[in-house]
Amino acid sequence: MESYAFISSARKKWIHVACIACYVTALLLFGISGIEGMEYPIIYQLTAIVTLTVGVYLTVRYALKMYRYEISESGIVSAEGEVKYDLVITEITGAKRQVVARIGLWDVESVHVLPRRKKKAFLHTRKGAYGKVFAYTNNPFDPVSCVFLLPEEDSVVVIPADDGMLGVLKNTCRVETEI
């Protein structure tokens, strides 16, 4: 098995437009609430705070981040002499790089390749068996995702699908495609 890596897709234009729209809307609502004689300014202010919060969330969660997904040797060799591999997910924010997940591929029960319309229902059915869902993507509307089931950690990891990575994963994990 060979190592493989890819970086998440470039940030989509709509995310930047949504962030800017949230900030501009919040500023306008704060301005309107300050007009002399305006009735119920608290409604405008609360709406501005909610809109500002959504803008900050979109900026921090999607607009500023990229991810690098890499399958690499873990440094562990089995008793049979077989080299073990990890999926390493690195978060990239500007010049800062931080490993946010390291998954031993031997711990993966299965990998499900799901289109967006089936992913939510699939995760909902697995909610009882797997307590936590970790999504490492900078696009909430990925057309196809890889869902890693990790029973040892009671968690699910979601990353965008990549054909090259799926080819490598088929050698080590059970990969189920539901497209």
N, C-alpha and C. Protein backbone atom coordinates (compact mmCIF):
# COMPACT_ATOMS: atom_id res chain seq x y z
N MET A 1 0.85 -1.18 0.00
CA MET A 1 0.00 0.00 0.00
C MET A 1 0.89 1.24 0.00
N GLU A 2 0.49 2.25 -0.72
CA GLU A 2 1.28 3.47 -0.80
C GLU A 2 0.59 4.60 -0.03
N SER A 3 1.36 5.63 0.26
CA SER A 3 0.80 6.81 0.92
C SER A 3 0.04 7.63 -0.12
N TYR A 4 -0.92 8.39 0.36
CA TYR A 4 -1.72 9.22 -0.54
C TYR A 4 -2.19 10.44 0.25
N ALA A 5 -2.27 11.59 -0.41
CA ALA A 5 -2.75 12.81 0.25
C ALA A 5 -3.50 13.68 -0.75
N PHE A 6 -4.48 14.44 -0.24
CA PHE A 6 -5.14 15.45 -1.04
C PHE A 6 -5.60 16.57 -0.12
N ILE A 7 -5.82 17.74 -0.70
CA ILE A 7 -6.26 18.91 0.06
C ILE A 7 -7.71 19.19 -0.33
N SER A 8 -8.51 19.64 0.66
CA SER A 8 -9.91 19.93 0.40
C SER A 8 -10.03 20.95 -0.73
N SER A 9 -11.18 20.94 -1.36
CA SER A 9 -11.40 21.83 -2.50
C SER A 9 -11.29 23.29 -2.08
N ALA A 10 -11.04 24.13 -3.05
CA ALA A 10 -10.92 25.56 -2.78
C ALA A 10 -12.23 26.07 -2.19
N ARG A 11 -12.11 27.09 -1.38
CA ARG A 11 -13.29 27.65 -0.74
C ARG A 11 -14.25 28.18 -1.81
N LYS A 12 -15.50 27.90 -1.62
CA LYS A 12 -16.51 28.29 -2.59
C LYS A 12 -16.83 29.79 -2.48
N LYS A 13 -17.17 30.39 -3.58
CA LYS A 13 -17.46 31.82 -3.62
C LYS A 13 -18.68 32.16 -2.77
N TRP A 14 -19.67 31.27 -2.72
CA TRP A 14 -20.89 31.57 -1.98
C TRP A 14 -20.63 31.72 -0.48
N ILE A 15 -19.62 31.03 0.05
CA ILE A 15 -19.32 31.16 1.47
C ILE A 15 -18.84 32.57 1.78
N HIS A 16 -17.99 33.12 0.92
CA HIS A 16 -17.50 34.49 1.12
C HIS A 16 -18.64 35.48 0.97
N VAL A 17 -19.51 35.28 -0.01
CA VAL A 17 -20.65 36.17 -0.21
C VAL A 17 -21.58 36.11 0.99
N ALA A 18 -21.83 34.91 1.52
CA ALA A 18 -22.71 34.77 2.69
C ALA A 18 -22.11 35.46 3.91
N CYS A 19 -20.81 35.34 4.10
CA CYS A 19 -20.15 36.00 5.24
C CYS A 19 -20.30 37.52 5.14
N ILE A 20 -19.98 38.06 3.98
CA ILE A 20 -20.07 39.50 3.78
C ILE A 20 -21.52 39.97 3.94
N ALA A 21 -22.47 39.21 3.41
CA ALA A 21 -23.88 39.58 3.54
C ALA A 21 -24.31 39.61 5.01
N CYS A 22 -23.84 38.66 5.79
CA CYS A 22 -24.18 38.64 7.21
C CYS A 22 -23.62 39.87 7.93
N TYR A 23 -22.38 40.22 7.65
CA TYR A 23 -21.77 41.37 8.30
C TYR A 23 -22.46 42.68 7.90
N VAL A 24 -22.75 42.84 6.62
CA VAL A 24 -23.40 44.06 6.15
C VAL A 24 -24.80 44.16 6.73
N THR A 25 -25.53 43.04 6.75
CA THR A 25 -26.88 43.04 7.31
C THR A 25 -26.85 43.40 8.79
N ALA A 26 -25.90 42.84 9.53
CA ALA A 26 -25.79 43.16 10.96
C ALA A 26 -25.51 44.64 11.17
N LEU A 27 -24.60 45.22 10.39
CA LEU A 27 -24.30 46.64 10.52
C LEU A 27 -25.53 47.50 10.20
N LEU A 28 -26.25 47.13 9.15
CA LEU A 28 -27.46 47.88 8.80
C LEU A 28 -28.51 47.79 9.90
N LEU A 29 -28.69 46.61 10.46
CA LEU A 29 -29.68 46.45 11.53
C LEU A 29 -29.29 47.25 12.78
N PHE A 30 -28.00 47.25 13.12
CA PHE A 30 -27.54 48.07 14.25
C PHE A 30 -27.78 49.55 13.96
N GLY A 31 -27.52 49.98 12.72
CA GLY A 31 -27.75 51.37 12.34
C GLY A 31 -29.21 51.75 12.41
N ILE A 32 -30.07 50.88 11.91
CA ILE A 32 -31.52 51.15 11.94
C ILE A 32 -32.02 51.22 13.37
N SER A 33 -31.49 50.38 14.24
CA SER A 33 -31.96 50.38 15.63
C SER A 33 -31.59 51.67 16.36
N GLY A 34 -30.62 52.40 15.85
CA GLY A 34 -30.19 53.65 16.49
C GLY A 34 -30.92 54.88 16.01
N ILE A 35 -31.82 54.73 15.05
CA ILE A 35 -32.57 55.88 14.54
C ILE A 35 -33.50 56.41 15.64
N GLU A 36 -33.51 57.73 15.80
CA GLU A 36 -34.34 58.39 16.82
C GLU A 36 -35.82 58.09 16.56
N GLY A 37 -36.49 57.62 17.59
CA GLY A 37 -37.93 57.36 17.51
C GLY A 37 -38.28 55.98 16.96
N MET A 38 -37.28 55.16 16.66
CA MET A 38 -37.53 53.81 16.13
C MET A 38 -38.22 52.97 17.22
N GLU A 39 -39.32 52.36 16.86
CA GLU A 39 -40.03 51.51 17.82
C GLU A 39 -39.34 50.15 17.91
N TYR A 40 -39.26 49.63 19.10
CA TYR A 40 -38.70 48.31 19.38
C TYR A 40 -37.30 48.11 18.79
N PRO A 41 -36.35 48.94 19.15
CA PRO A 41 -35.00 48.79 18.62
C PRO A 41 -34.34 47.47 19.07
N ILE A 42 -34.80 46.92 20.18
CA ILE A 42 -34.22 45.67 20.68
C ILE A 42 -34.40 44.54 19.67
N ILE A 43 -35.49 44.55 18.92
CA ILE A 43 -35.73 43.50 17.91
C ILE A 43 -34.66 43.59 16.82
N TYR A 44 -34.37 44.80 16.37
CA TYR A 44 -33.33 44.98 15.35
C TYR A 44 -31.96 44.58 15.89
N GLN A 45 -31.70 44.95 17.14
CA GLN A 45 -30.40 44.64 17.74
C GLN A 45 -30.21 43.14 17.93
N LEU A 46 -31.24 42.45 18.40
CA LEU A 46 -31.15 41.00 18.59
C LEU A 46 -30.98 40.28 17.25
N THR A 47 -31.71 40.76 16.23
CA THR A 47 -31.57 40.17 14.90
C THR A 47 -30.16 40.42 14.35
N ALA A 48 -29.62 41.59 14.62
CA ALA A 48 -28.25 41.90 14.19
C ALA A 48 -27.25 40.99 14.88
N ILE A 49 -27.44 40.72 16.16
CA ILE A 49 -26.53 39.84 16.89
C ILE A 49 -26.58 38.43 16.33
N VAL A 50 -27.79 37.95 16.04
CA VAL A 50 -27.92 36.61 15.46
C VAL A 50 -27.25 36.55 14.09
N THR A 51 -27.47 37.57 13.27
CA THR A 51 -26.87 37.61 11.94
C THR A 51 -25.35 37.69 12.03
N LEU A 52 -24.86 38.47 12.96
CA LEU A 52 -23.41 38.59 13.16
C LEU A 52 -22.82 37.26 13.62
N THR A 53 -23.53 36.56 14.48
CA THR A 53 -23.08 35.24 14.95
C THR A 53 -23.00 34.25 13.80
N VAL A 54 -23.99 34.26 12.93
CA VAL A 54 -23.96 33.36 11.76
C VAL A 54 -22.78 33.71 10.86
N GLY A 55 -22.53 34.99 10.66
CA GLY A 55 -21.39 35.40 9.84
C GLY A 55 -20.06 34.96 10.41
N VAL A 56 -19.89 35.10 11.72
CA VAL A 56 -18.65 34.67 12.37
C VAL A 56 -18.51 33.15 12.26
N TYR A 57 -19.61 32.42 12.49
CA TYR A 57 -19.55 30.95 12.38
C TYR A 57 -19.12 30.52 10.97
N LEU A 58 -19.75 31.10 9.94
CA LEU A 58 -19.39 30.74 8.57
C LEU A 58 -17.93 31.09 8.27
N THR A 59 -17.47 32.22 8.78
CA THR A 59 -16.09 32.63 8.54
C THR A 59 -15.10 31.67 9.20
N VAL A 60 -15.33 31.40 10.49
CA VAL A 60 -14.38 30.58 11.24
C VAL A 60 -14.45 29.11 10.81
N ARG A 61 -15.64 28.60 10.57
CA ARG A 61 -15.80 27.17 10.28
C ARG A 61 -15.50 26.81 8.83
N TYR A 62 -15.83 27.69 7.89
CA TYR A 62 -15.70 27.32 6.48
C TYR A 62 -14.78 28.23 5.66
N ALA A 63 -14.87 29.53 5.82
CA ALA A 63 -14.13 30.44 4.93
C ALA A 63 -12.63 30.47 5.21
N LEU A 64 -12.22 30.30 6.46
CA LEU A 64 -10.80 30.42 6.79
C LEU A 64 -10.05 29.10 6.78
N LYS A 65 -10.74 27.98 6.73
CA LYS A 65 -10.08 26.68 6.90
C LYS A 65 -10.01 25.87 5.61
N MET A 66 -8.93 25.12 5.54
CA MET A 66 -8.79 24.07 4.53
C MET A 66 -8.28 22.85 5.28
N TYR A 67 -8.42 21.70 4.67
CA TYR A 67 -7.97 20.46 5.30
C TYR A 67 -7.10 19.67 4.35
N ARG A 68 -6.14 18.96 4.92
CA ARG A 68 -5.29 18.03 4.17
C ARG A 68 -5.55 16.65 4.73
N TYR A 69 -5.86 15.72 3.84
CA TYR A 69 -6.17 14.34 4.21
C TYR A 69 -5.05 13.46 3.67
N GLU A 70 -4.43 12.68 4.54
CA GLU A 70 -3.27 11.89 4.13
C GLU A 70 -3.34 10.49 4.73
N ILE A 71 -3.08 9.51 3.89
CA ILE A 71 -2.89 8.15 4.37
C ILE A 71 -1.39 7.93 4.41
N SER A 72 -0.88 7.63 5.61
CA SER A 72 0.57 7.47 5.77
C SER A 72 0.85 6.34 6.75
N GLU A 73 2.10 5.90 6.75
CA GLU A 73 2.52 4.85 7.67
C GLU A 73 2.40 5.35 9.10
N SER A 74 1.90 4.49 9.99
CA SER A 74 1.72 4.90 11.37
C SER A 74 2.95 4.65 12.22
N GLY A 75 3.89 3.88 11.72
CA GLY A 75 5.05 3.52 12.52
C GLY A 75 4.82 2.24 13.31
N ILE A 76 3.65 1.64 13.13
CA ILE A 76 3.31 0.40 13.83
C ILE A 76 3.43 -0.76 12.84
N VAL A 77 4.06 -1.82 13.28
CA VAL A 77 4.18 -3.02 12.46
C VAL A 77 3.54 -4.17 13.24
N SER A 78 2.67 -4.92 12.57
CA SER A 78 1.98 -6.03 13.24
C SER A 78 2.95 -7.18 13.50
N ALA A 79 2.48 -8.17 14.24
CA ALA A 79 3.31 -9.34 14.55
C ALA A 79 3.70 -10.10 13.29
N GLU A 80 2.86 -10.00 12.26
CA GLU A 80 3.15 -10.66 10.98
C GLU A 80 4.08 -9.85 10.09
N GLY A 81 4.48 -8.67 10.56
CA GLY A 81 5.38 -7.82 9.78
C GLY A 81 4.66 -6.87 8.84
N GLU A 82 3.35 -6.77 8.98
CA GLU A 82 2.55 -5.90 8.12
C GLU A 82 2.58 -4.47 8.66
N VAL A 83 2.87 -3.51 7.79
CA VAL A 83 2.90 -2.10 8.17
C VAL A 83 1.47 -1.58 8.29
N LYS A 84 1.18 -0.87 9.38
CA LYS A 84 -0.15 -0.29 9.62
C LYS A 84 -0.18 1.16 9.13
N TYR A 85 -1.35 1.60 8.68
CA TYR A 85 -1.51 2.94 8.12
C TYR A 85 -2.52 3.75 8.90
N ASP A 86 -2.33 5.07 8.89
CA ASP A 86 -3.24 6.03 9.52
C ASP A 86 -3.82 6.97 8.48
N LEU A 87 -5.01 7.46 8.78
CA LEU A 87 -5.57 8.60 8.05
C LEU A 87 -5.29 9.81 8.94
N VAL A 88 -4.50 10.74 8.45
CA VAL A 88 -4.13 11.93 9.21
C VAL A 88 -4.84 13.13 8.57
N ILE A 89 -5.61 13.84 9.39
CA ILE A 89 -6.34 15.02 8.90
C ILE A 89 -5.70 16.25 9.54
N THR A 90 -5.22 17.15 8.68
CA THR A 90 -4.54 18.37 9.14
C THR A 90 -5.39 19.57 8.76
N GLU A 91 -5.65 20.43 9.75
CA GLU A 91 -6.40 21.66 9.52
C GLU A 91 -5.43 22.77 9.18
N ILE A 92 -5.72 23.49 8.09
CA ILE A 92 -4.86 24.57 7.63
C ILE A 92 -5.63 25.88 7.75
N THR A 93 -5.11 26.78 8.60
CA THR A 93 -5.70 28.10 8.77
C THR A 93 -4.59 29.10 8.56
N GLY A 94 -4.55 29.70 7.40
CA GLY A 94 -3.45 30.61 7.06
C GLY A 94 -2.16 29.82 7.00
N ALA A 95 -1.17 30.24 7.79
CA ALA A 95 0.12 29.54 7.82
C ALA A 95 0.15 28.46 8.90
N LYS A 96 -0.87 28.41 9.72
CA LYS A 96 -0.92 27.45 10.83
C LYS A 96 -1.45 26.10 10.34
N ARG A 97 -0.73 25.06 10.70
CA ARG A 97 -1.14 23.69 10.38
C ARG A 97 -1.23 22.90 11.68
N GLN A 98 -2.37 22.22 11.87
CA GLN A 98 -2.58 21.47 13.10
C GLN A 98 -3.26 20.15 12.77
N VAL A 99 -2.69 19.06 13.28
CA VAL A 99 -3.31 17.75 13.09
C VAL A 99 -4.52 17.68 14.01
N VAL A 100 -5.70 17.48 13.42
CA VAL A 100 -6.93 17.45 14.20
C VAL A 100 -7.46 16.02 14.39
N ALA A 101 -7.00 15.09 13.57
CA ALA A 101 -7.43 13.70 13.72
C ALA A 101 -6.38 12.76 13.15
N ARG A 102 -6.17 11.67 13.86
CA ARG A 102 -5.29 10.60 13.39
C ARG A 102 -6.06 9.31 13.63
N ILE A 103 -6.44 8.67 12.54
CA ILE A 103 -7.30 7.48 12.62
C ILE A 103 -6.51 6.28 12.12
N GLY A 104 -6.37 5.30 12.98
CA GLY A 104 -5.75 4.05 12.57
C GLY A 104 -6.71 3.30 11.66
N LEU A 105 -6.28 3.02 10.44
CA LEU A 105 -7.19 2.36 9.49
C LEU A 105 -7.60 0.97 9.96
N TRP A 106 -6.84 0.37 10.86
CA TRP A 106 -7.22 -0.94 11.39
C TRP A 106 -8.40 -0.82 12.36
N ASP A 107 -8.70 0.40 12.86
CA ASP A 107 -9.83 0.64 13.75
C ASP A 107 -11.12 0.94 13.00
N VAL A 108 -11.04 1.16 11.70
CA VAL A 108 -12.21 1.54 10.91
C VAL A 108 -13.05 0.30 10.62
N GLU A 109 -14.31 0.35 11.05
CA GLU A 109 -15.23 -0.77 10.77
C GLU A 109 -15.56 -0.81 9.28
N SER A 110 -15.94 0.36 8.74
CA SER A 110 -16.23 0.45 7.32
C SER A 110 -16.22 1.92 6.89
N VAL A 111 -16.09 2.11 5.59
CA VAL A 111 -16.12 3.45 4.99
C VAL A 111 -17.31 3.46 4.04
N HIS A 112 -18.20 4.43 4.22
CA HIS A 112 -19.37 4.54 3.36
C HIS A 112 -19.23 5.80 2.51
N VAL A 113 -19.37 5.64 1.21
CA VAL A 113 -19.32 6.76 0.27
C VAL A 113 -20.76 7.11 -0.04
N LEU A 114 -21.17 8.31 0.41
CA LEU A 114 -22.58 8.69 0.36
C LEU A 114 -22.78 10.02 -0.35
N PRO A 115 -23.82 10.11 -1.18
CA PRO A 115 -24.18 11.42 -1.73
C PRO A 115 -24.81 12.26 -0.61
N ARG A 116 -24.85 13.55 -0.82
CA ARG A 116 -25.34 14.48 0.20
C ARG A 116 -26.76 14.14 0.65
N ARG A 117 -27.62 13.75 -0.26
CA ARG A 117 -29.01 13.49 0.09
C ARG A 117 -29.17 12.26 0.99
N LYS A 118 -28.24 11.32 0.94
CA LYS A 118 -28.32 10.12 1.76
C LYS A 118 -27.51 10.22 3.05
N LYS A 119 -26.57 11.16 3.11
CA LYS A 119 -25.66 11.25 4.26
C LYS A 119 -26.41 11.56 5.56
N LYS A 120 -27.32 12.51 5.52
CA LYS A 120 -28.02 12.91 6.74
C LYS A 120 -28.85 11.75 7.31
N ALA A 121 -29.56 11.04 6.45
CA ALA A 121 -30.36 9.90 6.91
C ALA A 121 -29.46 8.79 7.45
N PHE A 122 -28.33 8.55 6.79
CA PHE A 122 -27.40 7.52 7.24
C PHE A 122 -26.85 7.86 8.63
N LEU A 123 -26.44 9.10 8.82
CA LEU A 123 -25.90 9.51 10.12
C LEU A 123 -26.97 9.45 11.21
N HIS A 124 -28.21 9.76 10.85
CA HIS A 124 -29.30 9.70 11.82
C HIS A 124 -29.55 8.25 12.27
N THR A 125 -29.44 7.30 11.36
CA THR A 125 -29.66 5.89 11.74
C THR A 125 -28.51 5.36 12.60
N ARG A 126 -27.33 5.93 12.47
CA ARG A 126 -26.16 5.49 13.24
C ARG A 126 -25.99 6.25 14.56
N LYS A 127 -26.85 7.22 14.82
CA LYS A 127 -26.70 8.08 15.99
C LYS A 127 -26.65 7.30 17.30
N GLY A 128 -27.44 6.24 17.43
CA GLY A 128 -27.46 5.46 18.67
C GLY A 128 -26.17 4.69 18.90
N ALA A 129 -25.61 4.12 17.86
CA ALA A 129 -24.40 3.30 17.99
C ALA A 129 -23.14 4.16 18.09
N TYR A 130 -23.14 5.30 17.43
CA TYR A 130 -21.97 6.18 17.41
C TYR A 130 -22.39 7.53 17.96
N GLY A 131 -21.82 7.91 19.07
CA GLY A 131 -22.25 9.12 19.76
C GLY A 131 -21.82 10.41 19.10
N LYS A 132 -20.61 10.48 18.53
CA LYS A 132 -20.07 11.74 18.04
C LYS A 132 -19.84 11.69 16.54
N VAL A 133 -20.13 12.81 15.89
CA VAL A 133 -19.86 12.95 14.46
C VAL A 133 -18.88 14.11 14.29
N PHE A 134 -17.75 13.83 13.64
CA PHE A 134 -16.75 14.84 13.38
C PHE A 134 -16.67 15.06 11.87
N ALA A 135 -17.02 16.27 11.43
CA ALA A 135 -16.98 16.60 10.00
C ALA A 135 -15.77 17.49 9.76
N TYR A 136 -14.85 16.98 8.96
CA TYR A 136 -13.64 17.72 8.60
C TYR A 136 -13.73 18.10 7.14
N THR A 137 -14.46 19.17 6.87
CA THR A 137 -14.63 19.66 5.51
C THR A 137 -14.85 21.16 5.56
N ASN A 138 -14.47 21.86 4.50
CA ASN A 138 -14.71 23.30 4.45
C ASN A 138 -15.88 23.65 3.53
N ASN A 139 -16.69 22.64 3.19
CA ASN A 139 -17.88 22.85 2.38
C ASN A 139 -19.01 22.03 2.97
N PRO A 140 -20.01 22.68 3.57
CA PRO A 140 -21.10 21.92 4.17
C PRO A 140 -21.98 21.21 3.14
N PHE A 141 -21.84 21.56 1.88
CA PHE A 141 -22.66 20.97 0.83
C PHE A 141 -21.85 20.11 -0.12
N ASP A 142 -20.89 19.35 0.41
CA ASP A 142 -20.12 18.43 -0.43
C ASP A 142 -21.08 17.48 -1.14
N PRO A 143 -20.91 17.30 -2.47
CA PRO A 143 -21.83 16.40 -3.18
C PRO A 143 -21.68 14.94 -2.76
N VAL A 144 -20.46 14.52 -2.44
CA VAL A 144 -20.20 13.14 -2.03
C VAL A 144 -19.25 13.16 -0.85
N SER A 145 -19.55 12.36 0.17
CA SER A 145 -18.72 12.32 1.37
C SER A 145 -18.31 10.89 1.70
N CYS A 146 -17.18 10.77 2.39
CA CYS A 146 -16.72 9.49 2.96
C CYS A 146 -17.04 9.52 4.44
N VAL A 147 -17.75 8.51 4.90
CA VAL A 147 -18.12 8.41 6.31
C VAL A 147 -17.37 7.21 6.89
N PHE A 148 -16.48 7.48 7.85
CA PHE A 148 -15.70 6.44 8.51
C PHE A 148 -16.39 6.07 9.81
N LEU A 149 -16.73 4.79 9.99
CA LEU A 149 -17.33 4.32 11.23
C LEU A 149 -16.24 3.77 12.14
N LEU A 150 -16.15 4.34 13.34
CA LEU A 150 -15.11 3.97 14.29
C LEU A 150 -15.76 3.47 15.59
N PRO A 151 -16.04 2.17 15.69
CA PRO A 151 -16.75 1.67 16.87
C PRO A 151 -15.92 1.76 18.15
N GLU A 152 -14.62 1.68 18.08
CA GLU A 152 -13.77 1.75 19.28
C GLU A 152 -13.89 3.12 19.96
N GLU A 153 -14.04 4.17 19.19
CA GLU A 153 -14.14 5.52 19.74
C GLU A 153 -15.58 6.01 19.81
N ASP A 154 -16.54 5.19 19.43
CA ASP A 154 -17.95 5.58 19.37
C ASP A 154 -18.13 6.87 18.58
N SER A 155 -17.49 6.94 17.42
CA SER A 155 -17.56 8.16 16.63
C SER A 155 -17.58 7.87 15.14
N VAL A 156 -17.95 8.91 14.42
CA VAL A 156 -18.01 8.88 12.97
C VAL A 156 -17.21 10.07 12.46
N VAL A 157 -16.39 9.86 11.44
CA VAL A 157 -15.61 10.94 10.84
C VAL A 157 -16.08 11.10 9.39
N VAL A 158 -16.37 12.34 9.01
CA VAL A 158 -16.85 12.65 7.67
C VAL A 158 -15.83 13.53 6.96
N ILE A 159 -15.40 13.10 5.77
CA ILE A 159 -14.50 13.90 4.94
C ILE A 159 -15.05 13.88 3.51
N PRO A 160 -14.61 14.80 2.67
CA PRO A 160 -15.05 14.76 1.27
C PRO A 160 -14.48 13.52 0.56
N ALA A 161 -15.22 13.02 -0.40
CA ALA A 161 -14.77 11.85 -1.15
C ALA A 161 -13.71 12.25 -2.17
N ASP A 162 -12.75 11.37 -2.37
CA ASP A 162 -11.69 11.56 -3.35
C ASP A 162 -11.40 10.20 -3.97
N ASP A 163 -11.43 10.12 -5.30
CA ASP A 163 -11.26 8.84 -5.99
C ASP A 163 -9.92 8.18 -5.67
N GLY A 164 -8.85 8.96 -5.62
CA GLY A 164 -7.54 8.40 -5.32
C GLY A 164 -7.49 7.80 -3.92
N MET A 165 -8.08 8.49 -2.96
CA MET A 165 -8.08 7.98 -1.59
C MET A 165 -8.94 6.73 -1.49
N LEU A 166 -10.07 6.73 -2.17
CA LEU A 166 -10.94 5.54 -2.15
C LEU A 166 -10.22 4.33 -2.72
N GLY A 167 -9.42 4.53 -3.76
CA GLY A 167 -8.64 3.44 -4.33
C GLY A 167 -7.66 2.86 -3.32
N VAL A 168 -7.02 3.72 -2.54
CA VAL A 168 -6.08 3.26 -1.52
C VAL A 168 -6.83 2.60 -0.36
N LEU A 169 -7.97 3.17 0.03
CA LEU A 169 -8.73 2.62 1.15
C LEU A 169 -9.29 1.23 0.86
N LYS A 170 -9.60 0.95 -0.39
CA LYS A 170 -10.16 -0.36 -0.74
C LYS A 170 -9.20 -1.50 -0.43
N ASN A 171 -7.92 -1.19 -0.32
CA ASN A 171 -6.93 -2.21 0.01
C ASN A 171 -6.90 -2.54 1.50
N THR A 172 -7.39 -1.63 2.35
CA THR A 172 -7.28 -1.83 3.80
C THR A 172 -8.60 -1.86 4.53
N CYS A 173 -9.63 -1.23 4.00
CA CYS A 173 -10.92 -1.12 4.70
C CYS A 173 -12.05 -1.66 3.82
N ARG A 174 -13.16 -1.92 4.48
CA ARG A 174 -14.37 -2.27 3.73
C ARG A 174 -15.01 -0.96 3.28
N VAL A 175 -15.07 -0.75 1.98
CA VAL A 175 -15.63 0.47 1.41
C VAL A 175 -16.96 0.13 0.74
N GLU A 176 -18.02 0.82 1.19
CA GLU A 176 -19.35 0.62 0.62
C GLU A 176 -19.79 1.91 -0.08
N THR A 177 -20.09 1.80 -1.35
CA THR A 177 -20.51 2.95 -2.13
C THR A 177 -22.02 2.91 -2.30
N GLU A 178 -22.66 4.03 -1.94
CA GLU A 178 -24.13 4.12 -2.04
C GLU A 178 -24.53 5.30 -2.91
N ILE A 179 -23.90 5.44 -4.04
CA ILE A 179 -24.21 6.57 -4.92
C ILE A 179 -25.26 6.18 -5.92
